[in-house]
PDB file of N, CA and C in Angstrom:
ATOM      1  N   MET A   1       0.859  -1.176   0.000  1.00  0.00           N
ATOM      2  CA  MET A   1       0.000   0.000   0.000  1.00  0.00           C
ATOM      3  C   MET A   1       0.900   1.232   0.000  1.00  0.00           C
ATOM      4  N   PRO A   2       0.698   2.150  -0.931  1.00  0.00           N
ATOM      5  CA  PRO A   2       1.502   3.375  -0.940  1.00  0.00           C
ATOM      6  C   PRO A   2       1.303   4.160   0.348  1.00  0.00           C
ATOM      7  N   ARG A   3       2.323   4.932   0.687  1.00  0.00           N
ATOM      8  CA  ARG A   3       2.327   5.665   1.951  1.00  0.00           C
ATOM      9  C   ARG A   3       1.124   6.596   2.078  1.00  0.00           C
ATOM     10  N   GLY A   4       0.749   7.289   0.998  1.00  0.00           N
ATOM     11  CA  GLY A   4      -0.380   8.217   1.031  1.00  0.00           C
ATOM     12  C   GLY A   4      -1.680   7.516   1.373  1.00  0.00           C
ATOM     13  N   GLN A   5      -1.882   6.317   0.801  1.00  0.00           N
ATOM     14  CA  GLN A   5      -3.099   5.575   1.094  1.00  0.00           C
ATOM     15  C   GLN A   5      -3.103   5.074   2.531  1.00  0.00           C
ATOM     16  N   ALA A   6      -1.934   4.724   3.056  1.00  0.00           N
ATOM     17  CA  ALA A   6      -1.842   4.268   4.447  1.00  0.00           C
ATOM     18  C   ALA A   6      -2.209   5.397   5.399  1.00  0.00           C
ATOM     19  N   ILE A   7      -1.774   6.612   5.093  1.00  0.00           N
ATOM     20  CA  ILE A   7      -2.091   7.763   5.946  1.00  0.00           C
ATOM     21  C   ILE A   7      -3.591   8.034   5.906  1.00  0.00           C
ATOM     22  N   VAL A   8      -4.177   8.013   4.715  1.00  0.00           N
ATOM     23  CA  VAL A   8      -5.617   8.248   4.588  1.00  0.00           C
ATOM     24  C   VAL A   8      -6.393   7.154   5.310  1.00  0.00           C
ATOM     25  N   SER A   9      -5.939   5.898   5.185  1.00  0.00           N
ATOM     26  CA  SER A   9      -6.594   4.791   5.865  1.00  0.00           C
ATOM     27  C   SER A   9      -6.521   4.965   7.379  1.00  0.00           C
ATOM     28  N   ALA A  10      -5.367   5.393   7.884  1.00  0.00           N
ATOM     29  CA  ALA A  10      -5.214   5.614   9.326  1.00  0.00           C
ATOM     30  C   ALA A  10      -6.125   6.742   9.790  1.00  0.00           C
ATOM     31  N   MET A  11      -6.278   7.787   8.964  1.00  0.00           N
ATOM     32  CA  MET A  11      -7.157   8.899   9.336  1.00  0.00           C
ATOM     33  C   MET A  11      -8.604   8.421   9.383  1.00  0.00           C
ATOM     34  N   HIS A  12      -9.006   7.567   8.449  1.00  0.00           N
ATOM     35  CA  HIS A  12     -10.369   7.049   8.434  1.00  0.00           C
ATOM     36  C   HIS A  12     -10.633   6.228   9.689  1.00  0.00           C
ATOM     37  N   GLU A  13      -9.664   5.392  10.076  1.00  0.00           N
ATOM     38  CA  GLU A  13      -9.836   4.541  11.241  1.00  0.00           C
ATOM     39  C   GLU A  13      -9.810   5.339  12.535  1.00  0.00           C
ATOM     40  N   ALA A  14      -9.131   6.478  12.539  1.00  0.00           N
ATOM     41  CA  ALA A  14      -8.998   7.268  13.755  1.00  0.00           C
ATOM     42  C   ALA A  14     -10.263   8.049  14.072  1.00  0.00           C
ATOM     43  N   LEU A  15     -11.139   8.265  13.116  1.00  0.00           N
ATOM     44  CA  LEU A  15     -12.354   9.036  13.328  1.00  0.00           C
ATOM     45  C   LEU A  15     -13.376   8.173  14.048  1.00  0.00           C
ATOM     46  N   GLN A  16     -13.759   8.583  15.230  1.00  0.00           N
ATOM     47  CA  GLN A  16     -14.728   7.853  16.034  1.00  0.00           C
ATOM     48  C   GLN A  16     -15.992   8.691  16.177  1.00  0.00           C
ATOM     49  N   SER A  17     -17.071   8.063  16.601  1.00  0.00           N
ATOM     50  CA  SER A  17     -18.338   8.769  16.707  1.00  0.00           C
ATOM     51  C   SER A  17     -18.277   9.886  17.745  1.00  0.00           C
ATOM     52  N   GLY A  18     -17.447   9.753  18.756  1.00  0.00           N
ATOM     53  CA  GLY A  18     -17.301  10.810  19.748  1.00  0.00           C
ATOM     54  C   GLY A  18     -16.718  12.075  19.163  1.00  0.00           C
ATOM     55  N   ASP A  19     -15.959  11.930  18.092  1.00  0.00           N
ATOM     56  CA  ASP A  19     -15.359  13.083  17.437  1.00  0.00           C
ATOM     57  C   ASP A  19     -16.354  13.827  16.553  1.00  0.00           C
ATOM     58  N   ILE A  20     -17.440  13.186  16.182  1.00  0.00           N
ATOM     59  CA  ILE A  20     -18.384  13.763  15.233  1.00  0.00           C
ATOM     60  C   ILE A  20     -19.003  15.045  15.781  1.00  0.00           C
ATOM     61  N   THR A  21     -19.407  15.052  17.036  1.00  0.00           N
ATOM     62  CA  THR A  21     -20.005  16.255  17.616  1.00  0.00           C
ATOM     63  C   THR A  21     -18.995  17.387  17.620  1.00  0.00           C
ATOM     64  N   LYS A  22     -17.763  17.091  18.021  1.00  0.00           N
ATOM     65  CA  LYS A  22     -16.725  18.126  18.037  1.00  0.00           C
ATOM     66  C   LYS A  22     -16.462  18.660  16.639  1.00  0.00           C
ATOM     67  N   ILE A  23     -16.378  17.768  15.676  1.00  0.00           N
ATOM     68  CA  ILE A  23     -16.119  18.175  14.289  1.00  0.00           C
ATOM     69  C   ILE A  23     -17.291  18.994  13.763  1.00  0.00           C
ATOM     70  N   GLY A  24     -18.511  18.504  14.001  1.00  0.00           N
ATOM     71  CA  GLY A  24     -19.695  19.212  13.524  1.00  0.00           C
ATOM     72  C   GLY A  24     -19.806  20.606  14.094  1.00  0.00           C
ATOM     73  N   ILE A  25     -19.604  20.745  15.402  1.00  0.00           N
ATOM     74  CA  ILE A  25     -19.682  22.055  16.035  1.00  0.00           C
ATOM     75  C   ILE A  25     -18.545  22.941  15.554  1.00  0.00           C
ATOM     76  N   GLY A  26     -17.353  22.380  15.401  1.00  0.00           N
ATOM     77  CA  GLY A  26     -16.216  23.157  14.900  1.00  0.00           C
ATOM     78  C   GLY A  26     -16.451  23.667  13.490  1.00  0.00           C
ATOM     79  N   VAL A  27     -17.026  22.813  12.640  1.00  0.00           N
ATOM     80  CA  VAL A  27     -17.314  23.233  11.261  1.00  0.00           C
ATOM     81  C   VAL A  27     -18.368  24.328  11.247  1.00  0.00           C
ATOM     82  N   ILE A  28     -19.407  24.172  12.067  1.00  0.00           N
ATOM     83  CA  ILE A  28     -20.452  25.200  12.120  1.00  0.00           C
ATOM     84  C   ILE A  28     -19.879  26.525  12.603  1.00  0.00           C
ATOM     85  N   ILE A  29     -19.054  26.501  13.648  1.00  0.00           N
ATOM     86  CA  ILE A  29     -18.439  27.737  14.148  1.00  0.00           C
ATOM     87  C   ILE A  29     -17.547  28.344  13.074  1.00  0.00           C
ATOM     88  N   GLY A  30     -16.767  27.503  12.398  1.00  0.00           N
ATOM     89  CA  GLY A  30     -15.914  28.000  11.317  1.00  0.00           C
ATOM     90  C   GLY A  30     -16.725  28.639  10.203  1.00  0.00           C
ATOM     91  N   LEU A  31     -17.843  28.022   9.838  1.00  0.00           N
ATOM     92  CA  LEU A  31     -18.700  28.592   8.798  1.00  0.00           C
ATOM     93  C   LEU A  31     -19.286  29.933   9.220  1.00  0.00           C
ATOM     94  N   VAL A  32     -19.691  30.028  10.476  1.00  0.00           N
ATOM     95  CA  VAL A  32     -20.237  31.294  10.975  1.00  0.00           C
ATOM     96  C   VAL A  32     -19.166  32.383  10.952  1.00  0.00           C
ATOM     97  N   VAL A  33     -17.955  32.058  11.385  1.00  0.00           N
ATOM     98  CA  VAL A  33     -16.867  33.036  11.383  1.00  0.00           C
ATOM     99  C   VAL A  33     -16.537  33.470   9.954  1.00  0.00           C
ATOM    100  N   ILE A  34     -16.423  32.509   9.046  1.00  0.00           N
ATOM    101  CA  ILE A  34     -16.137  32.843   7.646  1.00  0.00           C
ATOM    102  C   ILE A  34     -17.258  33.690   7.067  1.00  0.00           C
ATOM    103  N   GLY A  35     -18.499  33.317   7.354  1.00  0.00           N
ATOM    104  CA  GLY A  35     -19.639  34.097   6.879  1.00  0.00           C
ATOM    105  C   GLY A  35     -19.622  35.519   7.423  1.00  0.00           C
ATOM    106  N   PHE A  36     -19.302  35.648   8.703  1.00  0.00           N
ATOM    107  CA  PHE A  36     -19.232  36.973   9.315  1.00  0.00           C
ATOM    108  C   PHE A  36     -18.136  37.818   8.681  1.00  0.00           C
ATOM    109  N   LEU A  37     -16.956  37.213   8.495  1.00  0.00           N
ATOM    110  CA  LEU A  37     -15.853  37.960   7.888  1.00  0.00           C
ATOM    111  C   LEU A  37     -16.181  38.367   6.451  1.00  0.00           C
ATOM    112  N   LEU A  38     -16.774  37.457   5.697  1.00  0.00           N
ATOM    113  CA  LEU A  38     -17.129  37.786   4.318  1.00  0.00           C
ATOM    114  C   LEU A  38     -18.227  38.850   4.270  1.00  0.00           C
ATOM    115  N   SER A  39     -19.155  38.806   5.228  1.00  0.00           N
ATOM    116  CA  SER A  39     -20.212  39.816   5.234  1.00  0.00           C
ATOM    117  C   SER A  39     -19.663  41.203   5.554  1.00  0.00           C
ATOM    118  N   MET A  40     -18.580  41.263   6.283  1.00  0.00           N
ATOM    119  CA  MET A  40     -17.945  42.556   6.557  1.00  0.00           C
ATOM    120  C   MET A  40     -17.260  43.092   5.303  1.00  0.00           C
ATOM    121  N   ILE A  41     -16.755  42.189   4.474  1.00  0.00           N
ATOM    122  CA  ILE A  41     -16.063  42.595   3.249  1.00  0.00           C
ATOM    123  C   ILE A  41     -17.070  42.949   2.161  1.00  0.00           C
ATOM    124  N   ILE A  42     -18.085  42.130   2.016  1.00  0.00           N
ATOM    125  CA  ILE A  42     -19.089  42.364   0.977  1.00  0.00           C
ATOM    126  C   ILE A  42     -20.175  43.261   1.567  1.00  0.00           C
ATOM    127  N   THR A  43     -20.322  44.438   0.998  1.00  0.00           N
ATOM    128  CA  THR A  43     -21.252  45.407   1.585  1.00  0.00           C
ATOM    129  C   THR A  43     -22.636  45.346   0.962  1.00  0.00           C
ATOM    130  N   ALA A  44     -22.773  44.725  -0.174  1.00  0.00           N
ATOM    131  CA  ALA A  44     -24.085  44.670  -0.819  1.00  0.00           C
ATOM    132  C   ALA A  44     -25.032  43.784  -0.007  1.00  0.00           C
ATOM    133  N   VAL A  45     -26.254  44.198   0.128  1.00  0.00           N
ATOM    134  CA  VAL A  45     -27.254  43.451   0.887  1.00  0.00           C
ATOM    135  C   VAL A  45     -27.483  42.080   0.262  1.00  0.00           C
ATOM    136  N   VAL A  46     -27.493  42.012  -1.048  1.00  0.00           N
ATOM    137  CA  VAL A  46     -27.699  40.741  -1.732  1.00  0.00           C
ATOM    138  C   VAL A  46     -26.575  39.768  -1.392  1.00  0.00           C
ATOM    139  N   GLY A  47     -25.352  40.266  -1.367  1.00  0.00           N
ATOM    140  CA  GLY A  47     -24.212  39.422  -1.007  1.00  0.00           C
ATOM    141  C   GLY A  47     -24.333  38.879   0.402  1.00  0.00           C
ATOM    142  N   ARG A  48     -24.769  39.713   1.326  1.00  0.00           N
ATOM    143  CA  ARG A  48     -24.943  39.262   2.711  1.00  0.00           C
ATOM    144  C   ARG A  48     -26.041  38.213   2.824  1.00  0.00           C
ATOM    145  N   ILE A  49     -27.102  38.392   2.072  1.00  0.00           N
ATOM    146  CA  ILE A  49     -28.189  37.411   2.104  1.00  0.00           C
ATOM    147  C   ILE A  49     -27.713  36.078   1.540  1.00  0.00           C
ATOM    148  N   ILE A  50     -26.963  36.112   0.451  1.00  0.00           N
ATOM    149  CA  ILE A  50     -26.435  34.870  -0.137  1.00  0.00           C
ATOM    150  C   ILE A  50     -25.517  34.172   0.849  1.00  0.00           C
ATOM    151  N   ILE A  51     -24.657  34.931   1.500  1.00  0.00           N
ATOM    152  CA  ILE A  51     -23.742  34.342   2.492  1.00  0.00           C
ATOM    153  C   ILE A  51     -24.536  33.745   3.653  1.00  0.00           C
ATOM    154  N   LEU A  52     -25.551  34.453   4.120  1.00  0.00           N
ATOM    155  CA  LEU A  52     -26.369  33.958   5.226  1.00  0.00           C
ATOM    156  C   LEU A  52     -27.051  32.639   4.856  1.00  0.00           C
ATOM    157  N   VAL A  53     -27.635  32.586   3.679  1.00  0.00           N
ATOM    158  CA  VAL A  53     -28.310  31.366   3.221  1.00  0.00           C
ATOM    159  C   VAL A  53     -27.301  30.220   3.101  1.00  0.00           C
ATOM    160  N   ALA A  54     -26.123  30.491   2.546  1.00  0.00           N
ATOM    161  CA  ALA A  54     -25.101  29.453   2.393  1.00  0.00           C
ATOM    162  C   ALA A  54     -24.627  28.933   3.751  1.00  0.00           C
ATOM    163  N   VAL A  55     -24.369  29.843   4.682  1.00  0.00           N
ATOM    164  CA  VAL A  55     -23.881  29.436   6.010  1.00  0.00           C
ATOM    165  C   VAL A  55     -24.947  28.631   6.745  1.00  0.00           C
ATOM    166  N   VAL A  56     -26.184  29.093   6.713  1.00  0.00           N
ATOM    167  CA  VAL A  56     -27.263  28.370   7.395  1.00  0.00           C
ATOM    168  C   VAL A  56     -27.475  26.997   6.745  1.00  0.00           C
ATOM    169  N   GLY A  57     -27.471  26.954   5.411  1.00  0.00           N
ATOM    170  CA  GLY A  57     -27.650  25.681   4.711  1.00  0.00           C
ATOM    171  C   GLY A  57     -26.548  24.685   5.030  1.00  0.00           C
ATOM    172  N   LEU A  58     -25.303  25.140   5.004  1.00  0.00           N
ATOM    173  CA  LEU A  58     -24.184  24.244   5.330  1.00  0.00           C
ATOM    174  C   LEU A  58     -24.228  23.819   6.795  1.00  0.00           C
ATOM    175  N   GLY A  59     -24.607  24.730   7.676  1.00  0.00           N
ATOM    176  CA  GLY A  59     -24.733  24.389   9.097  1.00  0.00           C
ATOM    177  C   GLY A  59     -25.783  23.305   9.323  1.00  0.00           C
ATOM    178  N   ILE A  60     -26.926  23.429   8.631  1.00  0.00           N
ATOM    179  CA  ILE A  60     -27.985  22.422   8.741  1.00  0.00           C
ATOM    180  C   ILE A  60     -27.505  21.084   8.195  1.00  0.00           C
ATOM    181  N   TRP A  61     -26.770  21.123   7.096  1.00  0.00           N
ATOM    182  CA  TRP A  61     -26.264  19.882   6.497  1.00  0.00           C
ATOM    183  C   TRP A  61     -25.293  19.175   7.444  1.00  0.00           C
ATOM    184  N   VAL A  62     -24.383  19.927   8.062  1.00  0.00           N
ATOM    185  CA  VAL A  62     -23.431  19.341   9.012  1.00  0.00           C
ATOM    186  C   VAL A  62     -24.182  18.758  10.208  1.00  0.00           C
ATOM    187  N   TRP A  63     -25.162  19.498  10.724  1.00  0.00           N
ATOM    188  CA  TRP A  63     -25.920  19.034  11.887  1.00  0.00           C
ATOM    189  C   TRP A  63     -26.711  17.766  11.546  1.00  0.00           C
ATOM    190  N   GLN A  64     -27.262  17.690  10.340  1.00  0.00           N
ATOM    191  CA  GLN A  64     -28.003  16.513   9.913  1.00  0.00           C
ATOM    192  C   GLN A  64     -27.097  15.296   9.853  1.00  0.00           C
ATOM    193  N   GLN A  65     -25.880  15.460   9.327  1.00  0.00           N
ATOM    194  CA  GLN A  65     -24.921  14.350   9.263  1.00  0.00           C
ATOM    195  C   GLN A  65     -24.565  13.872  10.670  1.00  0.00           C
ATOM    196  N   ARG A  66     -24.342  14.813  11.583  1.00  0.00           N
ATOM    197  CA  ARG A  66     -23.996  14.472  12.957  1.00  0.00           C
ATOM    198  C   ARG A  66     -25.144  13.739  13.633  1.00  0.00           C
ATOM    199  N   THR A  67     -26.362  14.222  13.429  1.00  0.00           N
ATOM    200  CA  THR A  67     -27.540  13.593  14.027  1.00  0.00           C
ATOM    201  C   THR A  67     -27.752  12.187  13.483  1.00  0.00           C
ATOM    202  N   SER A  68     -27.508  11.992  12.208  1.00  0.00           N
ATOM    203  CA  SER A  68     -27.645  10.669  11.600  1.00  0.00           C
ATOM    204  C   SER A  68     -26.696   9.670  12.252  1.00  0.00           C
ATOM    205  N   ILE A  69     -25.446  10.064  12.450  1.00  0.00           N
ATOM    206  CA  ILE A  69     -24.470   9.183  13.104  1.00  0.00           C
ATOM    207  C   ILE A  69     -24.879   8.914  14.548  1.00  0.00           C
ATOM    208  N   LYS A  70     -25.302   9.946  15.259  1.00  0.00           N
ATOM    209  CA  LYS A  70     -25.715   9.786  16.652  1.00  0.00           C
ATOM    210  C   LYS A  70     -26.892   8.819  16.746  1.00  0.00           C
ATOM    211  N   ASP A  71     -27.883   8.951  15.860  1.00  0.00           N
ATOM    212  CA  ASP A  71     -29.029   8.048  15.875  1.00  0.00           C
ATOM    213  C   ASP A  71     -28.609   6.609  15.589  1.00  0.00           C
ATOM    214  N   ASP A  72     -27.688   6.427  14.636  1.00  0.00           N
ATOM    215  CA  ASP A  72     -27.192   5.083  14.335  1.00  0.00           C
ATOM    216  C   ASP A  72     -26.530   4.467  15.568  1.00  0.00           C
ATOM    217  N   ILE A  73     -25.676   5.221  16.229  1.00  0.00           N
ATOM    218  CA  ILE A  73     -24.969   4.722  17.408  1.00  0.00           C
ATOM    219  C   ILE A  73     -25.955   4.439  18.539  1.00  0.00           C
ATOM    220  N   ASP A  74     -26.928   5.348  18.741  1.00  0.00           N
ATOM    221  CA  ASP A  74     -27.923   5.141  19.801  1.00  0.00           C
ATOM    222  C   ASP A  74     -28.758   3.891  19.569  1.00  0.00           C
ATOM    223  N   ASN A  75     -28.957   3.500  18.319  1.00  0.00           N
ATOM    224  CA  ASN A  75     -29.748   2.312  17.983  1.00  0.00           C
ATOM    225  C   ASN A  75     -28.875   1.079  17.759  1.00  0.00           C
ATOM    226  N   CYS A  76     -27.633   1.138  18.199  1.00  0.00           N
ATOM    227  CA  CYS A  76     -26.681   0.027  18.128  1.00  0.00           C
ATOM    228  C   CYS A  76     -26.335  -0.372  16.695  1.00  0.00           C
ATOM    229  N   HIS A  77     -26.439   0.540  15.744  1.00  0.00           N
ATOM    230  CA  HIS A  77     -25.852   0.340  14.418  1.00  0.00           C
ATOM    231  C   HIS A  77     -24.440   0.887  14.545  1.00  0.00           C
ATOM    232  N   LEU A  78     -23.467   0.014  14.684  1.00  0.00           N
ATOM    233  CA  LEU A  78     -22.152   0.387  15.185  1.00  0.00           C
ATOM    234  C   LEU A  78     -21.207   0.974  14.146  1.00  0.00           C
ATOM    235  N   SER A  79     -21.686   1.289  12.970  1.00  0.00           N
ATOM    236  CA  SER A  79     -20.843   1.973  11.999  1.00  0.00           C
ATOM    237  C   SER A  79     -21.730   2.836  11.117  1.00  0.00           C
ATOM    238  N   GLY A  80     -21.104   3.826  10.504  1.00  0.00           N
ATOM    239  CA  GLY A  80     -21.848   4.723   9.636  1.00  0.00           C
ATOM    240  C   GLY A  80     -20.886   5.534   8.796  1.00  0.00           C
ATOM    241  N   SER A  81     -21.423   6.526   8.133  1.00  0.00           N
ATOM    242  CA  SER A  81     -20.623   7.366   7.257  1.00  0.00           C
ATOM    243  C   SER A  81     -20.889   8.833   7.582  1.00  0.00           C
ATOM    244  N   PHE A  82     -19.830   9.605   7.735  1.00  0.00           N
ATOM    245  CA  PHE A  82     -19.910  11.033   8.015  1.00  0.00           C
ATOM    246  C   PHE A  82     -19.179  11.752   6.894  1.00  0.00           C
ATOM    247  N   PHE A  83     -19.929  12.328   5.954  1.00  0.00           N
ATOM    248  CA  PHE A  83     -19.369  12.980   4.772  1.00  0.00           C
ATOM    249  C   PHE A  83     -18.434  12.041   4.011  1.00  0.00           C
ATOM    250  N   GLY A  84     -18.809  10.769   3.927  1.00  0.00           N
ATOM    251  CA  GLY A  84     -18.035   9.800   3.169  1.00  0.00           C
ATOM    252  C   GLY A  84     -16.951   9.101   3.963  1.00  0.00           C
ATOM    253  N   PHE A  85     -16.736   9.496   5.209  1.00  0.00           N
ATOM    254  CA  PHE A  85     -15.731   8.845   6.055  1.00  0.00           C
ATOM    255  C   PHE A  85     -16.416   7.814   6.938  1.00  0.00           C
ATOM    256  N   HIS A  86     -15.819   6.608   6.990  1.00  0.00           N
ATOM    257  CA  HIS A  86     -16.348   5.527   7.818  1.00  0.00           C
ATOM    258  C   HIS A  86     -16.128   5.877   9.280  1.00  0.00           C
ATOM    259  N   VAL A  87     -17.174   5.731  10.081  1.00  0.00           N
ATOM    260  CA  VAL A  87     -17.108   6.028  11.513  1.00  0.00           C
ATOM    261  C   VAL A  87     -17.520   4.783  12.267  1.00  0.00           C
ATOM    262  N   SER A  88     -16.706   4.404  13.250  1.00  0.00           N
ATOM    263  CA  SER A  88     -17.003   3.246  14.089  1.00  0.00           C
ATOM    264  C   SER A  88     -17.365   3.711  15.488  1.00  0.00           C
ATOM    265  N   ALA A  89     -18.192   2.934  16.140  1.00  0.00           N
ATOM    266  CA  ALA A  89     -18.590   3.249  17.508  1.00  0.00           C
ATOM    267  C   ALA A  89     -17.419   3.022  18.459  1.00  0.00           C
ATOM    268  N   PRO A  90     -17.347   3.810  19.534  1.00  0.00           N
ATOM    269  CA  PRO A  90     -16.306   3.586  20.542  1.00  0.00           C
ATOM    270  C   PRO A  90     -16.491   2.220  21.223  1.00  0.00           C
ATOM    271  N   ALA A  91     -15.440   1.733  21.816  1.00  0.00           N
ATOM    272  CA  ALA A  91     -15.463   0.411  22.464  1.00  0.00           C
ATOM    273  C   ALA A  91     -16.532   0.334  23.552  1.00  0.00           C
ATOM    274  N   SER A  92     -16.746   1.424  24.297  1.00  0.00           N
ATOM    275  CA  SER A  92     -17.749   1.407  25.363  1.00  0.00           C
ATOM    276  C   SER A  92     -19.153   1.208  24.794  1.00  0.00           C
ATOM    277  N   VAL A  93     -19.437   1.807  23.637  1.00  0.00           N
ATOM    278  CA  VAL A  93     -20.751   1.648  23.002  1.00  0.00           C
ATOM    279  C   VAL A  93     -20.902   0.224  22.471  1.00  0.00           C
ATOM    280  N   VAL A  94     -19.855  -0.316  21.882  1.00  0.00           N
ATOM    281  CA  VAL A  94     -19.892  -1.695  21.383  1.00  0.00           C
ATOM    282  C   VAL A  94     -20.167  -2.651  22.535  1.00  0.00           C
ATOM    283  N   ALA A  95     -19.491  -2.451  23.647  1.00  0.00           N
ATOM    284  CA  ALA A  95     -19.698  -3.316  24.813  1.00  0.00           C
ATOM    285  C   ALA A  95     -21.129  -3.194  25.337  1.00  0.00           C
ATOM    286  N   HIS A  96     -21.637  -1.971  25.393  1.00  0.00           N
ATOM    287  CA  HIS A  96     -23.012  -1.750  25.866  1.00  0.00           C
ATOM    288  C   HIS A  96     -24.018  -2.431  24.936  1.00  0.00           C
ATOM    289  N   CYS A  97     -23.843  -2.278  23.633  1.00  0.00           N
ATOM    290  CA  CYS A  97     -24.773  -2.897  22.672  1.00  0.00           C
ATOM    291  C   CYS A  97     -24.686  -4.418  22.727  1.00  0.00           C
ATOM    292  N   ASN A  98     -23.475  -4.933  22.898  1.00  0.00           N
ATOM    293  CA  ASN A  98     -23.310  -6.392  23.007  1.00  0.00           C
ATOM    294  C   ASN A  98     -24.001  -6.917  24.270  1.00  0.00           C
ATOM    295  N   SER A  99     -23.966  -6.152  25.362  1.00  0.00           N
ATOM    296  CA  SER A  99     -24.609  -6.595  26.602  1.00  0.00           C
ATOM    297  C   SER A  99     -26.139  -6.571  26.463  1.00  0.00           C
ATOM    298  N   LEU A 100     -26.651  -5.667  25.621  1.00  0.00           N
ATOM    299  CA  LEU A 100     -28.103  -5.610  25.414  1.00  0.00           C
ATOM    300  C   LEU A 100     -28.603  -6.776  24.585  1.00  0.00           C
ATOM    301  N   HIS A 101     -27.769  -7.312  23.713  1.00  0.00           N
ATOM    302  CA  HIS A 101     -28.184  -8.391  22.812  1.00  0.00           C
ATOM    303  C   HIS A 101     -27.929  -9.778  23.397  1.00  0.00           C
ATOM    304  N   LYS A 102     -27.461  -9.869  24.617  1.00  0.00           N
ATOM    305  CA  LYS A 102     -27.201 -11.182  25.228  1.00  0.00           C
ATOM    306  C   LYS A 102     -28.465 -11.756  25.804  1.00  0.00           C
TER     307      LYS A 102
END
């Protein structure tokens, strides 16, 4: 396996469901900051409205992805996809789900 693919594979495996909330909130905050900075630069009202719609739309999309993963984990579906990245449940969740199915 080429080195680049090994690094990408390691990054995919390192992403856990506990990180999804942090990533989702971080992305939303980043989008709000970028939107705010761009709205200060673009003075036209139309530009500000477009930026607002884009930021809100992307924020909703990120939140929906996070909620989907959370619902999967809560229902003991121990893997999922977050923007195309495979996410596995933490060991504590796997143990809890295994104890429920005994």
